[in-house]
Each structure stands twice: as C-alpha cells, then as structure tokens.
Amino acid sequence: MATTRRKTSTTSESGAYMSQYDQEVEQRLKVIEAKLEELSNQKSESSTSDTSELEKKFDVLIEVLKKTPSLNIGKLSKGLL
C-alpha cells in the first residue's frame, strides 16, 4: 500500500513551492536575521558612546603631552595638535 504525502502550498517570495524542510530553514533564517539586526543596533548604539569616551581620553592625553616642552608636540604635529 502506497502512502501519499500531503503537499503544502507554501511558496517562496519568488513563487516557487517550498518543502517542509525549506520552510523550517526559512523560519530559522528569519530568527537569525532578527537577532543579527538586534545585535547590530546594540553595537551601533554602544560604539557611539565608546567613540566619544575615547575622544575625551585622547584629548586629555594630547593636553598632557603638550605640557611637556621636551616632547615638542607642536613641531612634531606640524601645528595640527
């Protein structure tokens, strides 16, 4: 006795029929993409604050170096600092 498979009528964005495996893979891919988007947003938010904090530290370092005449920072930086 032959068994019959029940076909699903799910189609991809291109209109092609998708197997159950394809549907499961598509669902997992959507979850991964959502988590990636979430991580990307978190990183961009934190990198902005990290950058400003790093710039502050850099500015303090430059000011300290400028106060040391023997380093001659003005001449070495060609007046850019």
C-alpha atoms as a PDB file:
ATOM      1  CA  MET A   1       0.000   0.000   0.000  1.00  0.00           C
ATOM      2  CA  ALA A   2       1.489   3.293  -1.063  1.00  0.00           C
ATOM      3  CA  THR A   3       1.395   6.233   1.241  1.00  0.00           C
ATOM      4  CA  THR A   4       0.552   9.628  -0.041  1.00  0.00           C
ATOM      5  CA  ARG A   5       2.288  12.764   1.093  1.00  0.00           C
ATOM      6  CA  ARG A   6       0.309  15.813   1.825  1.00  0.00           C
ATOM      7  CA  LYS A   7       1.773  18.701  -0.153  1.00  0.00           C
ATOM      8  CA  THR A   8       1.939  22.106   1.361  1.00  0.00           C
ATOM      9  CA  SER A   9       1.015  25.085  -0.691  1.00  0.00           C
ATOM     10  CA  THR A  10       3.621  27.369   0.820  1.00  0.00           C
ATOM     11  CA  THR A  11       5.598  29.301  -1.719  1.00  0.00           C
ATOM     12  CA  SER A  12       8.741  31.383  -1.525  1.00  0.00           C
ATOM     13  CA  GLU A  13       8.950  35.056  -2.423  1.00  0.00           C
ATOM     14  CA  SER A  14       9.812  34.039  -5.986  1.00  0.00           C
ATOM     15  CA  GLY A  15       6.665  31.905  -6.184  1.00  0.00           C
ATOM     16  CA  ALA A  16       8.395  28.516  -6.046  1.00  0.00           C
ATOM     17  CA  TYR A  17       6.861  25.811  -3.880  1.00  0.00           C
ATOM     18  CA  MET A  18       8.743  25.131  -0.665  1.00  0.00           C
ATOM     19  CA  SER A  19       9.177  21.762   1.018  1.00  0.00           C
ATOM     20  CA  GLN A  20       8.697  21.373   4.743  1.00  0.00           C
ATOM     21  CA  TYR A  21      12.485  21.415   5.146  1.00  0.00           C
ATOM     22  CA  ASP A  22      12.697  24.632   3.130  1.00  0.00           C
ATOM     23  CA  GLN A  23      10.050  26.180   5.352  1.00  0.00           C
ATOM     24  CA  GLU A  24      11.940  25.189   8.514  1.00  0.00           C
ATOM     25  CA  VAL A  25      15.190  26.602   7.126  1.00  0.00           C
ATOM     26  CA  GLU A  26      13.422  29.820   6.118  1.00  0.00           C
ATOM     27  CA  GLN A  27      11.972  30.165   9.622  1.00  0.00           C
ATOM     28  CA  ARG A  28      15.392  29.637  11.241  1.00  0.00           C
ATOM     29  CA  LEU A  29      16.963  32.118   8.856  1.00  0.00           C
ATOM     30  CA  LYS A  30      14.406  34.768   9.814  1.00  0.00           C
ATOM     31  CA  VAL A  31      15.188  34.230  13.514  1.00  0.00           C
ATOM     32  CA  ILE A  32      18.937  34.533  12.851  1.00  0.00           C
ATOM     33  CA  GLU A  33      18.448  37.690  10.774  1.00  0.00           C
ATOM     34  CA  ALA A  34      16.326  39.254  13.525  1.00  0.00           C
ATOM     35  CA  LYS A  35      18.977  38.507  16.162  1.00  0.00           C
ATOM     36  CA  LEU A  36      21.701  39.856  13.874  1.00  0.00           C
ATOM     37  CA  GLU A  37      19.740  43.068  13.369  1.00  0.00           C
ATOM     38  CA  GLU A  38      19.274  43.391  17.138  1.00  0.00           C
ATOM     39  CA  LEU A  39      22.998  42.898  17.778  1.00  0.00           C
ATOM     40  CA  SER A  40      23.874  45.348  15.038  1.00  0.00           C
ATOM     41  CA  ASN A  41      21.639  48.004  16.591  1.00  0.00           C
ATOM     42  CA  GLN A  42      23.132  47.417  20.038  1.00  0.00           C
ATOM     43  CA  LYS A  43      26.662  47.686  18.663  1.00  0.00           C
ATOM     44  CA  SER A  44      25.991  50.923  16.792  1.00  0.00           C
ATOM     45  CA  GLU A  45      24.459  52.483  19.915  1.00  0.00           C
ATOM     46  CA  SER A  46      27.367  51.431  22.131  1.00  0.00           C
ATOM     47  CA  SER A  47      30.041  52.323  19.580  1.00  0.00           C
ATOM     48  CA  THR A  48      28.839  55.925  19.526  1.00  0.00           C
ATOM     49  CA  SER A  49      29.275  56.286  23.278  1.00  0.00           C
ATOM     50  CA  ASP A  50      32.566  54.353  23.147  1.00  0.00           C
ATOM     51  CA  THR A  51      33.863  56.710  20.462  1.00  0.00           C
ATOM     52  CA  SER A  52      33.010  59.858  22.415  1.00  0.00           C
ATOM     53  CA  GLU A  53      34.614  58.405  25.539  1.00  0.00           C
ATOM     54  CA  LEU A  54      37.732  57.524  23.557  1.00  0.00           C
ATOM     55  CA  GLU A  55      37.875  61.023  22.061  1.00  0.00           C
ATOM     56  CA  LYS A  56      37.744  62.530  25.561  1.00  0.00           C
ATOM     57  CA  LYS A  57      40.628  60.347  26.707  1.00  0.00           C
ATOM     58  CA  PHE A  58      42.603  61.233  23.594  1.00  0.00           C
ATOM     59  CA  ASP A  59      42.076  64.954  24.157  1.00  0.00           C
ATOM     60  CA  VAL A  60      43.290  64.648  27.744  1.00  0.00           C
ATOM     61  CA  LEU A  61      46.361  62.742  26.578  1.00  0.00           C
ATOM     62  CA  ILE A  62      47.186  65.399  23.981  1.00  0.00           C
ATOM     63  CA  GLU A  63      46.847  68.168  26.582  1.00  0.00           C
ATOM     64  CA  VAL A  64      49.203  66.326  28.931  1.00  0.00           C
ATOM     65  CA  LEU A  65      51.728  65.804  26.138  1.00  0.00           C
ATOM     66  CA  LYS A  66      51.548  69.478  25.138  1.00  0.00           C
ATOM     67  CA  LYS A  67      52.501  70.460  28.685  1.00  0.00           C
ATOM     68  CA  THR A  68      55.798  68.596  28.338  1.00  0.00           C
ATOM     69  CA  PRO A  69      58.056  71.007  26.395  1.00  0.00           C
ATOM     70  CA  SER A  70      60.806  68.452  25.774  1.00  0.00           C
ATOM     71  CA  LEU A  71      58.422  66.385  23.602  1.00  0.00           C
ATOM     72  CA  ASN A  72      57.979  69.316  21.203  1.00  0.00           C
ATOM     73  CA  ILE A  73      54.452  68.170  20.215  1.00  0.00           C
ATOM     74  CA  GLY A  74      53.710  71.370  18.274  1.00  0.00           C
ATOM     75  CA  LYS A  75      56.656  70.869  15.949  1.00  0.00           C
ATOM     76  CA  LEU A  76      56.177  67.107  15.569  1.00  0.00           C
ATOM     77  CA  SER A  77      52.497  67.524  14.715  1.00  0.00           C
ATOM     78  CA  LYS A  78      53.286  70.410  12.363  1.00  0.00           C
ATOM     79  CA  GLY A  79      50.843  72.567  14.285  1.00  0.00           C
ATOM     80  CA  LEU A  80      47.876  70.203  13.826  1.00  0.00           C
ATOM     81  CA  LEU A  81      47.557  69.495  17.559  1.00  0.00           C
END
